Amino acid sequence: MFGLYITHPQVKIDANVPVPKWGLSDIGAVRARKAAESGWARQLRRIVSSDETKAIETAEILADASGVAIEIVHGMHENDRSATGFLPPPQFKEAANWFFAHPEESFRGWERAIDAQRRIVEAVNTVLATHDPAAPIAFVGHGGVGTLLKCHLASGPITRDRDQPGGGGNLYAFGLADRRLSCDWTPIEDWQG
């Protein structure tokens, strides 16, 4: 059976609001609702979300389709970037490139990539340790830690080459029996299961 890692779609960016509190934009909510109409969303038997607003909002939309309650796992949050606060998109892109290129170092106080990877892998493994491998499950979170988890599942080094294209609102699938990737990043509203 399949496991999914899903990244929240587009958000309302507000430099005056802490990033973990950002919610989905109108476009992001529409994309999440379109994904919830798919057959794979109705198959989900468990939905696990990070504790950030944008992930919770995405998970709740999917939960409405599948009829299951969401679970919040605090270790699934995005890499801690609070040391720098909000960075405008061009500066954020440069910082994210540096984060992936130097996984054992901290970008101006950010959580290191190796530490964020260890955290997300542990959170997912802890959930899966007691999960029925015959039941489809979705982990709803963020692009940075999602990419770090993907690098781990691929048994490869931390690299931005495995990052999602075009921002958020993508997913990848992996087998629950073998924890091997079965599909690469795909827009949430396009995946057919």
Protein backbone atom coordinates (compact mmCIF):
# COMPACT_ATOMS: atom_id res chain seq x y z
CA MET A 1 0.00 0.00 0.00
CA PHE A 2 1.08 3.60 -0.45
CA GLY A 3 2.34 6.33 1.81
CA LEU A 4 2.35 9.92 0.65
CA TYR A 5 4.33 12.96 1.61
CA ILE A 6 2.29 16.04 0.67
CA THR A 7 3.47 19.64 0.77
CA HIS A 8 1.00 22.41 1.45
CA PRO A 9 0.08 24.48 -1.63
CA GLN A 10 0.35 28.28 -1.97
CA VAL A 11 0.13 30.38 1.19
CA LYS A 12 -0.74 33.94 2.19
CA ILE A 13 2.69 35.48 2.69
CA ASP A 14 2.69 38.14 5.39
CA ALA A 15 5.99 39.49 6.70
CA ASN A 16 4.19 40.58 9.89
CA VAL A 17 2.98 37.05 10.74
CA PRO A 18 5.33 34.28 11.91
CA VAL A 19 5.86 31.84 9.03
CA PRO A 20 4.43 28.82 10.96
CA LYS A 21 1.14 30.75 11.28
CA TRP A 22 0.72 31.47 7.56
CA GLY A 23 -2.45 29.94 6.12
CA LEU A 24 -3.37 28.79 2.66
CA SER A 25 -4.06 31.41 0.01
CA ASP A 26 -7.25 31.20 -2.03
CA ILE A 27 -5.28 29.47 -4.81
CA GLY A 28 -3.75 27.02 -2.32
CA ALA A 29 -7.15 26.16 -0.85
CA VAL A 30 -8.64 25.57 -4.32
CA ARG A 31 -5.77 23.24 -5.20
CA ALA A 32 -6.17 21.29 -1.94
CA ARG A 33 -9.93 20.92 -2.54
CA LYS A 34 -9.28 19.69 -6.10
CA ALA A 35 -6.84 17.10 -4.74
CA ALA A 36 -9.45 16.06 -2.16
CA GLU A 37 -11.81 15.15 -5.02
CA SER A 38 -9.41 12.47 -6.27
CA GLY A 39 -9.75 8.76 -5.64
CA TRP A 40 -6.50 8.57 -3.70
CA ALA A 41 -7.70 11.14 -1.16
CA ARG A 42 -10.82 9.12 -0.40
CA GLN A 43 -8.64 6.02 0.17
CA LEU A 44 -6.60 7.60 2.97
CA ARG A 45 -7.04 5.89 6.33
CA ARG A 46 -4.67 8.14 8.26
CA ILE A 47 -3.56 11.75 7.80
CA VAL A 48 -0.64 13.07 9.83
CA SER A 49 0.17 16.78 9.76
CA SER A 50 2.82 19.14 10.95
CA ASP A 51 1.63 21.65 13.53
CA GLU A 52 1.97 24.64 11.17
CA THR A 53 -1.26 26.33 10.05
CA LYS A 54 -0.77 25.84 6.30
CA ALA A 55 -0.18 22.11 6.71
CA ILE A 56 -3.13 21.70 9.10
CA GLU A 57 -5.44 23.53 6.67
CA THR A 58 -4.30 21.23 3.82
CA ALA A 59 -4.71 18.12 5.99
CA GLU A 60 -8.21 19.18 7.09
CA ILE A 61 -9.35 19.54 3.48
CA LEU A 62 -8.06 16.03 2.71
CA ALA A 63 -9.60 14.69 5.92
CA ASP A 64 -13.03 15.96 4.88
CA ALA A 65 -12.77 13.78 1.77
CA SER A 66 -11.48 10.65 3.50
CA GLY A 67 -13.59 10.89 6.64
CA VAL A 68 -10.65 10.51 9.02
CA ALA A 69 -9.44 12.88 11.71
CA ILE A 70 -6.03 14.45 11.32
CA GLU A 71 -3.20 13.78 13.75
CA ILE A 72 -0.69 16.49 14.61
CA VAL A 73 2.96 15.47 14.96
CA HIS A 74 5.13 18.30 16.24
CA GLY A 75 8.39 16.89 14.86
CA MET A 76 7.15 17.33 11.29
CA HIS A 77 7.52 21.13 11.19
CA GLU A 78 9.59 22.87 8.55
CA ASN A 79 13.27 23.50 9.17
CA ASP A 80 13.58 26.15 11.87
CA ARG A 81 14.42 29.43 10.16
CA SER A 82 13.34 31.74 12.97
CA ALA A 83 16.89 33.06 13.45
CA THR A 84 16.57 35.18 10.31
CA GLY A 85 12.84 35.83 10.36
CA PHE A 86 11.06 36.54 7.10
CA LEU A 87 13.27 36.71 4.02
CA PRO A 88 11.92 38.12 0.74
CA PRO A 89 11.65 35.42 -1.98
CA PRO A 90 14.97 36.13 -3.78
CA GLN A 91 16.91 36.10 -0.49
CA PHE A 92 15.01 33.07 0.74
CA LYS A 93 15.90 31.15 -2.44
CA GLU A 94 19.59 31.92 -1.92
CA ALA A 95 19.36 30.87 1.73
CA ALA A 96 17.58 27.61 0.83
CA ASN A 97 20.23 26.83 -1.79
CA TRP A 98 22.90 27.32 0.88
CA PHE A 99 20.95 25.20 3.40
CA PHE A 100 20.92 22.19 1.06
CA ALA A 101 24.48 22.71 -0.18
CA HIS A 102 25.92 22.81 3.37
CA PRO A 103 23.83 20.26 5.31
CA GLU A 104 26.20 20.09 8.29
CA GLU A 105 26.33 23.86 8.79
CA SER A 106 23.79 26.43 9.95
CA PHE A 107 22.74 29.29 7.71
CA ARG A 108 22.78 32.34 10.03
CA GLY A 109 21.29 30.35 12.91
CA TRP A 110 18.87 28.12 10.94
CA GLU A 111 18.42 24.50 11.96
CA ARG A 112 21.01 22.46 10.06
CA ALA A 113 19.75 20.26 7.22
CA ILE A 114 21.16 17.10 8.83
CA ASP A 115 19.30 17.88 12.05
CA ALA A 116 16.04 18.66 10.26
CA GLN A 117 16.41 15.43 8.26
CA ARG A 118 17.00 13.39 11.40
CA ARG A 119 13.91 14.95 12.98
CA ILE A 120 11.52 14.34 10.04
CA VAL A 121 12.79 10.79 9.48
CA GLU A 122 12.30 10.01 13.18
CA ALA A 123 8.78 11.52 13.17
CA VAL A 124 7.71 9.52 10.11
CA ASN A 125 9.34 6.29 11.34
CA THR A 126 7.66 6.64 14.74
CA VAL A 127 4.24 6.94 13.09
CA LEU A 128 4.88 4.07 10.68
CA ALA A 129 6.14 1.77 13.47
CA THR A 130 2.55 1.34 14.69
CA HIS A 131 0.76 1.88 11.37
CA ASP A 132 -1.06 -0.88 9.47
CA PRO A 133 0.94 -1.22 6.21
CA ALA A 134 -2.27 -2.13 4.36
CA ALA A 135 -3.79 1.30 5.09
CA PRO A 136 -2.92 4.29 2.88
CA ILE A 137 -1.43 7.17 4.87
CA ALA A 138 -0.53 10.77 4.09
CA PHE A 139 2.01 12.95 5.85
CA VAL A 140 1.22 16.62 5.23
CA GLY A 141 4.02 19.08 5.72
CA HIS A 142 6.56 21.28 4.04
CA GLY A 143 8.90 21.33 1.08
CA GLY A 144 12.23 21.59 2.89
CA VAL A 145 11.78 18.69 5.29
CA GLY A 146 9.83 16.79 2.64
CA THR A 147 12.87 16.96 0.39
CA LEU A 148 15.12 15.87 3.26
CA LEU A 149 12.83 12.86 3.88
CA LYS A 150 12.86 12.08 0.15
CA CYS A 151 16.68 12.11 0.13
CA HIS A 152 16.60 9.62 3.01
CA LEU A 153 14.04 7.35 1.31
CA ALA A 154 16.20 7.39 -1.84
CA SER A 155 19.26 6.45 0.26
CA GLY A 156 21.06 9.44 -1.19
CA PRO A 157 22.83 12.54 0.04
CA ILE A 158 21.06 15.73 0.98
CA THR A 159 20.70 17.73 -2.22
CA ARG A 160 18.35 20.36 -3.57
CA ASP A 161 18.19 18.37 -6.80
CA ARG A 162 15.46 16.30 -5.13
CA ASP A 163 13.41 19.39 -4.19
CA GLN A 164 9.88 19.86 -5.50
CA PRO A 165 9.47 21.86 -8.71
CA GLY A 166 7.52 25.10 -8.72
CA GLY A 167 6.92 25.52 -5.01
CA GLY A 168 4.35 23.77 -2.85
CA GLY A 169 1.33 21.62 -3.45
CA ASN A 170 3.16 18.50 -4.58
CA LEU A 171 3.43 14.94 -3.35
CA TYR A 172 5.55 11.85 -3.74
CA ALA A 173 4.58 8.28 -2.96
CA PHE A 174 6.46 5.47 -1.28
CA GLY A 175 5.67 1.86 -0.52
CA LEU A 176 4.73 1.17 3.08
CA ALA A 177 6.23 -2.32 2.97
CA ASP A 178 9.65 -1.33 1.66
CA ARG A 179 9.74 2.47 2.17
CA ARG A 180 10.98 2.92 -1.39
CA LEU A 181 9.91 5.85 -3.56
CA SER A 182 7.28 4.87 -6.11
CA CYS A 183 6.68 8.25 -7.73
CA ASP A 184 8.49 11.56 -7.87
CA TRP A 185 7.07 14.97 -6.98
CA THR A 186 3.70 15.40 -8.69
CA PRO A 187 1.18 18.24 -8.31
CA ILE A 188 -1.41 17.13 -5.74
CA GLU A 189 -4.33 17.69 -8.09
CA ASP A 190 -2.68 15.64 -10.89
CA TRP A 191 -1.63 12.43 -9.10
CA GLN A 192 -3.78 9.47 -10.06
CA GLY A 193 -2.68 7.03 -7.38
